[in-house]
Amino acid sequence: MCPSNNNQTVSNGLIATSDSTLDPEGSSKNDNYLVRDILKNGWSSFGDNSSPIWADYDAVEIMFCVEYEANGQSIIEPFSMNDVQEVKSENIKYWSVYGHCIEGGIESLHDCKNQSEASVLARHCEFMISCVLGEIEDE
């Protein structure tokens, strides 16, 4: 069932009381607990008590971010999942979930510490977008 509240998530209003020990590849119920834990401090790309406006997006994508030095400066750059085989895992700083903007371009939604977290959060974001686009019927 899609959440109400003008089709906006209220995930960042939930408080996680402990670190999750659930398997990220588990049931959708497990995913709900994992999303709660991932977002326990809110969405990293939005201000306090703010969350994505799902009507602005039509899809999501996961990218990994690599940190490297160039001209004495530390640079963090996102890369497509197609490039993941070419990068040493220890060079990956974090995994980001991006929303595809309906008006064009992409927008970072949240940074995750590993690929499993990013995958769980991406599924949640896809579900929320589907609710807004009317692809999922409320029960």
C-alpha atoms as a PDB file:
ATOM      1  CA  MET A   1       0.000   0.000   0.000  1.00  0.00           C
ATOM      2  CA  CYS A   2       1.233   3.482  -0.827  1.00  0.00           C
ATOM      3  CA  PRO A   3       1.698   5.923   2.050  1.00  0.00           C
ATOM      4  CA  SER A   4      -0.612   8.901   2.312  1.00  0.00           C
ATOM      5  CA  ASN A   5       0.552  12.406   3.308  1.00  0.00           C
ATOM      6  CA  ASN A   6       0.310  13.882  -0.188  1.00  0.00           C
ATOM      7  CA  ASN A   7       2.373  11.012  -1.586  1.00  0.00           C
ATOM      8  CA  GLN A   8       5.426  12.140   0.356  1.00  0.00           C
ATOM      9  CA  THR A   9       7.522   9.869   2.508  1.00  0.00           C
ATOM     10  CA  VAL A  10       7.703  10.343   6.225  1.00  0.00           C
ATOM     11  CA  SER A  11      10.684   8.026   6.565  1.00  0.00           C
ATOM     12  CA  ASN A  12      12.942  10.665   8.059  1.00  0.00           C
ATOM     13  CA  GLY A  13      10.433  11.137  10.905  1.00  0.00           C
ATOM     14  CA  LEU A  14      11.030   7.591  12.107  1.00  0.00           C
ATOM     15  CA  ILE A  15      13.690   7.018  14.723  1.00  0.00           C
ATOM     16  CA  ALA A  16      15.812   3.885  14.568  1.00  0.00           C
ATOM     17  CA  THR A  17      16.541   2.558  18.031  1.00  0.00           C
ATOM     18  CA  SER A  18      19.336   0.185  17.097  1.00  0.00           C
ATOM     19  CA  ASP A  19      21.491  -0.848  14.182  1.00  0.00           C
ATOM     20  CA  SER A  20      19.745  -3.287  11.911  1.00  0.00           C
ATOM     21  CA  THR A  21      20.952  -6.871  11.835  1.00  0.00           C
ATOM     22  CA  LEU A  22      18.512  -7.912   9.123  1.00  0.00           C
ATOM     23  CA  ASP A  23      19.626  -9.321   5.801  1.00  0.00           C
ATOM     24  CA  PRO A  24      19.309  -6.665   3.041  1.00  0.00           C
ATOM     25  CA  GLU A  25      18.224  -9.357   0.601  1.00  0.00           C
ATOM     26  CA  GLY A  26      15.333 -10.337   2.857  1.00  0.00           C
ATOM     27  CA  SER A  27      11.626  -9.634   2.756  1.00  0.00           C
ATOM     28  CA  SER A  28       9.998  -6.284   2.056  1.00  0.00           C
ATOM     29  CA  LYS A  29       9.341  -6.073   5.806  1.00  0.00           C
ATOM     30  CA  ASN A  30      13.084  -6.376   6.384  1.00  0.00           C
ATOM     31  CA  ASP A  31      13.605  -3.695   3.717  1.00  0.00           C
ATOM     32  CA  ASN A  32      11.289  -1.360   5.645  1.00  0.00           C
ATOM     33  CA  TYR A  33      13.428  -1.756   8.766  1.00  0.00           C
ATOM     34  CA  LEU A  34      16.599  -1.279   6.752  1.00  0.00           C
ATOM     35  CA  VAL A  35      15.246   1.890   5.115  1.00  0.00           C
ATOM     36  CA  ARG A  36      14.369   3.195   8.571  1.00  0.00           C
ATOM     37  CA  ASP A  37      17.925   2.535   9.730  1.00  0.00           C
ATOM     38  CA  ILE A  38      19.512   3.978   6.584  1.00  0.00           C
ATOM     39  CA  LEU A  39      17.482   7.183   6.958  1.00  0.00           C
ATOM     40  CA  LYS A  40      17.688   7.462  10.754  1.00  0.00           C
ATOM     41  CA  ASN A  41      19.493  10.819  10.381  1.00  0.00           C
ATOM     42  CA  GLY A  42      17.380  11.999   7.449  1.00  0.00           C
ATOM     43  CA  TRP A  43      18.118  12.203   3.745  1.00  0.00           C
ATOM     44  CA  SER A  44      21.773  13.222   3.248  1.00  0.00           C
ATOM     45  CA  SER A  45      20.979  15.435   0.249  1.00  0.00           C
ATOM     46  CA  PHE A  46      18.121  17.355   1.865  1.00  0.00           C
ATOM     47  CA  GLY A  47      17.837  19.699   4.828  1.00  0.00           C
ATOM     48  CA  ASP A  48      16.537  18.862   8.272  1.00  0.00           C
ATOM     49  CA  ASN A  49      13.091  17.252   8.304  1.00  0.00           C
ATOM     50  CA  SER A  50      12.966  17.361   4.519  1.00  0.00           C
ATOM     51  CA  SER A  51      12.594  14.550   2.022  1.00  0.00           C
ATOM     52  CA  PRO A  52      12.393  14.056  -1.743  1.00  0.00           C
ATOM     53  CA  ILE A  53       9.335  15.291  -3.607  1.00  0.00           C
ATOM     54  CA  TRP A  54       8.581  12.043  -5.391  1.00  0.00           C
ATOM     55  CA  ALA A  55       6.511  13.742  -8.110  1.00  0.00           C
ATOM     56  CA  ASP A  56       9.764  15.318  -9.400  1.00  0.00           C
ATOM     57  CA  TYR A  57      11.253  11.931 -10.391  1.00  0.00           C
ATOM     58  CA  ASP A  58      10.435   9.158 -12.828  1.00  0.00           C
ATOM     59  CA  ALA A  59      13.220   6.674 -11.955  1.00  0.00           C
ATOM     60  CA  VAL A  60      16.228   6.095  -9.701  1.00  0.00           C
ATOM     61  CA  GLU A  61      19.787   4.995 -10.263  1.00  0.00           C
ATOM     62  CA  ILE A  62      22.684   3.896  -8.056  1.00  0.00           C
ATOM     63  CA  MET A  63      26.164   5.299  -8.612  1.00  0.00           C
ATOM     64  CA  PHE A  64      29.327   4.735  -6.635  1.00  0.00           C
ATOM     65  CA  CYS A  65      31.602   7.616  -5.678  1.00  0.00           C
ATOM     66  CA  VAL A  66      35.384   7.462  -5.793  1.00  0.00           C
ATOM     67  CA  GLU A  67      37.739   9.823  -3.983  1.00  0.00           C
ATOM     68  CA  TYR A  68      41.052  10.710  -5.596  1.00  0.00           C
ATOM     69  CA  GLU A  69      43.713  13.419  -5.511  1.00  0.00           C
ATOM     70  CA  ALA A  70      44.191  15.866  -8.390  1.00  0.00           C
ATOM     71  CA  ASN A  71      46.413  18.940  -8.245  1.00  0.00           C
ATOM     72  CA  GLY A  72      46.651  18.614  -4.472  1.00  0.00           C
ATOM     73  CA  GLN A  73      42.879  18.582  -4.008  1.00  0.00           C
ATOM     74  CA  SER A  74      40.639  15.739  -2.922  1.00  0.00           C
ATOM     75  CA  ILE A  75      37.914  15.099  -5.510  1.00  0.00           C
ATOM     76  CA  ILE A  76      34.877  12.838  -5.151  1.00  0.00           C
ATOM     77  CA  GLU A  77      33.349  11.773  -8.449  1.00  0.00           C
ATOM     78  CA  PRO A  78      30.305   9.574  -9.137  1.00  0.00           C
ATOM     79  CA  PHE A  79      30.568   6.679 -11.585  1.00  0.00           C
ATOM     80  CA  SER A  80      27.970   4.531 -13.318  1.00  0.00           C
ATOM     81  CA  MET A  81      27.456   0.966 -12.158  1.00  0.00           C
ATOM     82  CA  ASN A  82      28.831  -0.107 -15.556  1.00  0.00           C
ATOM     83  CA  ASP A  83      32.277   0.985 -14.331  1.00  0.00           C
ATOM     84  CA  VAL A  84      32.252  -0.842 -10.981  1.00  0.00           C
ATOM     85  CA  GLN A  85      34.365  -3.782 -12.225  1.00  0.00           C
ATOM     86  CA  GLU A  86      37.182  -1.387 -13.150  1.00  0.00           C
ATOM     87  CA  VAL A  87      37.512   0.175  -9.681  1.00  0.00           C
ATOM     88  CA  LYS A  88      39.086  -1.344  -6.580  1.00  0.00           C
ATOM     89  CA  SER A  89      36.468  -1.614  -3.847  1.00  0.00           C
ATOM     90  CA  GLU A  90      38.724   0.141  -1.321  1.00  0.00           C
ATOM     91  CA  ASN A  91      38.655   3.243  -3.574  1.00  0.00           C
ATOM     92  CA  ILE A  92      34.861   3.508  -3.366  1.00  0.00           C
ATOM     93  CA  LYS A  93      34.022   6.189  -0.799  1.00  0.00           C
ATOM     94  CA  TYR A  94      30.247   5.629  -0.759  1.00  0.00           C
ATOM     95  CA  TRP A  95      27.245   4.604  -2.870  1.00  0.00           C
ATOM     96  CA  SER A  96      24.648   7.198  -3.872  1.00  0.00           C
ATOM     97  CA  VAL A  97      21.020   6.869  -4.897  1.00  0.00           C
ATOM     98  CA  TYR A  98      20.049   9.416  -7.558  1.00  0.00           C
ATOM     99  CA  GLY A  99      16.593  10.415  -8.735  1.00  0.00           C
ATOM    100  CA  HIS A 100      16.009  10.944 -12.453  1.00  0.00           C
ATOM    101  CA  CYS A 101      14.282  14.334 -12.675  1.00  0.00           C
ATOM    102  CA  ILE A 102      11.227  14.479 -14.918  1.00  0.00           C
ATOM    103  CA  GLU A 103      12.449  17.878 -16.145  1.00  0.00           C
ATOM    104  CA  GLY A 104      15.821  16.324 -17.065  1.00  0.00           C
ATOM    105  CA  GLY A 105      19.050  15.491 -15.269  1.00  0.00           C
ATOM    106  CA  ILE A 106      19.602  13.633 -12.022  1.00  0.00           C
ATOM    107  CA  GLU A 107      19.632  14.665  -8.366  1.00  0.00           C
ATOM    108  CA  SER A 108      21.425  12.988  -5.488  1.00  0.00           C
ATOM    109  CA  LEU A 109      18.922  11.675  -2.948  1.00  0.00           C
ATOM    110  CA  HIS A 110      21.089   9.918  -0.370  1.00  0.00           C
ATOM    111  CA  ASP A 111      24.599   8.589   0.191  1.00  0.00           C
ATOM    112  CA  CYS A 112      24.906   5.043   1.556  1.00  0.00           C
ATOM    113  CA  LYS A 113      27.911   3.306   3.078  1.00  0.00           C
ATOM    114  CA  ASN A 114      27.678   0.200   0.889  1.00  0.00           C
ATOM    115  CA  GLN A 115      26.046  -1.221  -2.218  1.00  0.00           C
ATOM    116  CA  SER A 116      23.524  -3.314  -0.249  1.00  0.00           C
ATOM    117  CA  GLU A 117      22.165  -0.250   1.547  1.00  0.00           C
ATOM    118  CA  ALA A 118      21.968   1.660  -1.740  1.00  0.00           C
ATOM    119  CA  SER A 119      20.039  -1.214  -3.355  1.00  0.00           C
ATOM    120  CA  VAL A 120      17.499  -1.353  -0.515  1.00  0.00           C
ATOM    121  CA  LEU A 121      17.030   2.416  -0.559  1.00  0.00           C
ATOM    122  CA  ALA A 122      16.724   2.465  -4.366  1.00  0.00           C
ATOM    123  CA  ARG A 123      13.892  -0.104  -4.155  1.00  0.00           C
ATOM    124  CA  HIS A 124      12.153   2.106  -1.594  1.00  0.00           C
ATOM    125  CA  CYS A 125      12.558   5.173  -3.827  1.00  0.00           C
ATOM    126  CA  GLU A 126      11.249   3.271  -6.861  1.00  0.00           C
ATOM    127  CA  PHE A 127       8.213   2.221  -4.826  1.00  0.00           C
ATOM    128  CA  MET A 128       7.537   5.808  -3.725  1.00  0.00           C
ATOM    129  CA  ILE A 129       7.834   7.079  -7.307  1.00  0.00           C
ATOM    130  CA  SER A 130       5.477   4.316  -8.483  1.00  0.00           C
ATOM    131  CA  CYS A 131       2.917   5.416  -5.897  1.00  0.00           C
ATOM    132  CA  VAL A 132       3.050   9.008  -7.132  1.00  0.00           C
ATOM    133  CA  LEU A 133       2.888   7.986 -10.784  1.00  0.00           C
ATOM    134  CA  GLY A 134      -0.159   5.835 -10.008  1.00  0.00           C
ATOM    135  CA  GLU A 135       1.524   2.595 -11.036  1.00  0.00           C
ATOM    136  CA  ILE A 136       0.589   0.966  -7.719  1.00  0.00           C
ATOM    137  CA  GLU A 137      -3.027   0.822  -6.609  1.00  0.00           C
ATOM    138  CA  ASP A 138      -3.820   1.511  -2.966  1.00  0.00           C
ATOM    139  CA  GLU A 139      -5.465  -1.466  -1.292  1.00  0.00           C
END
